[in-house]
Amino acid sequence: MARGPTGVIEAIADGKRAALMIDRYLTGRQMKMIKKVKLPSIYIEPLAIDEDDESESTLARAVEEMVPAAKRRTSFVEVEKGLSLQAATDEARRCLRCDLDFTRPL
């Protein structure tokens, strides 16, 4: 009822959460659920790249090549051509490694 006509899986998950809260209420336990943060189990060192040697092309975000609009109107070809191997490699090196702040070994 709360979500409207969305997936059955979401409705089942809502039902499980509701049953858990009913059980907690009836047994007198804390009603607030505290989510545990799951940290990575291993630490992977970031790739050592000399920032002075990096060119502007590796720092800039890759742009996918697209089929011109005139050709799109008359055919069913893929609009986005995808990245070249070099562009995909450069894009992968741009990884920000958001996990480094909290997974660094002590």
Protein backbone atom coordinates (compact mmCIF):
# COMPACT_ATOMS: atom_id res chain seq x y z
CA MET A 1 0.00 0.00 0.00
CA ALA A 2 2.79 2.42 0.81
CA ARG A 3 4.62 2.21 -2.51
CA GLY A 4 1.79 1.83 -4.95
CA PRO A 5 2.09 -0.48 -7.94
CA THR A 6 5.85 -1.20 -7.75
CA GLY A 7 7.63 -4.50 -7.64
CA VAL A 8 6.66 -7.52 -5.60
CA ILE A 9 10.18 -7.75 -4.22
CA GLU A 10 9.89 -4.30 -2.63
CA ALA A 11 6.56 -5.28 -1.09
CA ILE A 12 8.08 -8.44 0.39
CA ALA A 13 11.00 -6.42 1.79
CA ASP A 14 8.54 -3.94 3.35
CA GLY A 15 6.65 -6.83 4.90
CA LYS A 16 9.83 -8.26 6.42
CA ARG A 17 10.76 -4.86 7.87
CA ALA A 18 7.26 -4.46 9.29
CA ALA A 19 7.37 -7.95 10.86
CA LEU A 20 10.75 -7.16 12.41
CA MET A 21 9.44 -3.93 13.91
CA ILE A 22 6.33 -5.67 15.26
CA ASP A 23 8.56 -8.32 16.87
CA ARG A 24 10.80 -5.63 18.39
CA TYR A 25 7.77 -3.78 19.77
CA LEU A 26 6.22 -6.90 21.30
CA THR A 27 9.49 -8.04 22.91
CA GLY A 28 10.28 -4.54 24.27
CA ARG A 29 13.46 -4.02 22.26
CA GLN A 30 14.67 -0.80 20.64
CA MET A 31 12.49 0.15 17.66
CA LYS A 32 15.18 2.05 15.78
CA MET A 33 17.24 -0.11 13.44
CA ILE A 34 20.90 0.80 13.39
CA LYS A 35 22.51 -0.07 10.08
CA LYS A 36 26.02 -1.47 10.24
CA VAL A 37 28.51 -0.08 7.75
CA LYS A 38 30.17 -2.85 5.79
CA LEU A 39 33.78 -1.91 5.16
CA PRO A 40 35.99 -3.63 2.61
CA SER A 41 37.93 -6.56 4.05
CA ILE A 42 41.14 -5.82 2.12
CA TYR A 43 43.05 -2.68 1.27
CA ILE A 44 44.27 -2.11 -2.27
CA GLU A 45 46.96 0.50 -2.68
CA PRO A 46 46.08 3.21 -5.20
CA LEU A 47 47.95 3.18 -8.48
CA ALA A 48 51.07 5.30 -8.20
CA ILE A 49 50.87 7.89 -10.95
CA ASP A 50 53.16 10.89 -11.22
CA GLU A 51 50.74 13.81 -11.39
CA ASP A 52 53.29 16.00 -13.18
CA ASP A 53 53.53 13.55 -16.10
CA GLU A 54 49.77 13.21 -16.64
CA SER A 55 48.48 14.95 -19.71
CA GLU A 56 45.24 16.91 -19.82
CA SER A 57 43.61 14.10 -21.82
CA THR A 58 43.97 11.59 -18.98
CA LEU A 59 42.57 14.04 -16.41
CA ALA A 60 39.58 15.05 -18.51
CA ARG A 61 36.48 12.87 -18.58
CA ALA A 62 36.14 10.73 -21.69
CA VAL A 63 33.34 11.61 -24.11
CA GLU A 64 31.70 8.82 -26.07
CA GLU A 65 31.61 9.18 -29.82
CA MET A 66 28.08 9.36 -31.24
CA VAL A 67 26.55 8.75 -34.64
CA PRO A 68 25.53 12.04 -36.33
CA ALA A 69 21.83 12.95 -36.10
CA ALA A 70 21.37 12.82 -39.89
CA LYS A 71 22.44 9.18 -40.00
CA ARG A 72 20.31 8.30 -36.95
CA ARG A 73 17.13 9.41 -38.70
CA THR A 74 17.55 6.98 -41.56
CA SER A 75 18.93 3.88 -39.82
CA PHE A 76 18.76 1.75 -36.71
CA VAL A 77 22.48 1.85 -35.86
CA GLU A 78 23.66 2.27 -32.27
CA VAL A 79 23.73 5.96 -31.36
CA GLU A 80 26.61 5.68 -28.87
CA LYS A 81 29.72 4.06 -30.28
CA GLY A 82 31.38 3.45 -26.90
CA LEU A 83 34.89 4.25 -25.75
CA SER A 84 38.09 3.19 -27.45
CA LEU A 85 40.46 0.95 -25.49
CA GLN A 86 42.74 3.91 -24.71
CA ALA A 87 39.85 6.16 -23.64
CA ALA A 88 38.43 3.40 -21.41
CA THR A 89 41.86 2.86 -19.83
CA ASP A 90 42.27 6.60 -19.20
CA GLU A 91 38.77 6.77 -17.72
CA ALA A 92 39.55 3.86 -15.39
CA ARG A 93 42.65 5.69 -14.16
CA ARG A 94 40.47 8.64 -13.15
CA CYS A 95 38.98 6.50 -10.36
CA LEU A 96 38.54 8.69 -7.29
CA ARG A 97 38.96 5.77 -4.86
CA CYS A 98 36.34 7.07 -2.43
CA ASP A 99 37.06 4.15 -0.10
CA LEU A 100 40.61 5.30 0.69
CA ASP A 101 39.51 7.63 3.51
CA PHE A 102 38.20 4.82 5.69
CA THR A 103 40.07 1.71 4.58
CA ARG A 104 43.63 2.93 5.02
CA PRO A 105 45.58 0.54 7.27
CA LEU A 106 46.49 1.86 10.69
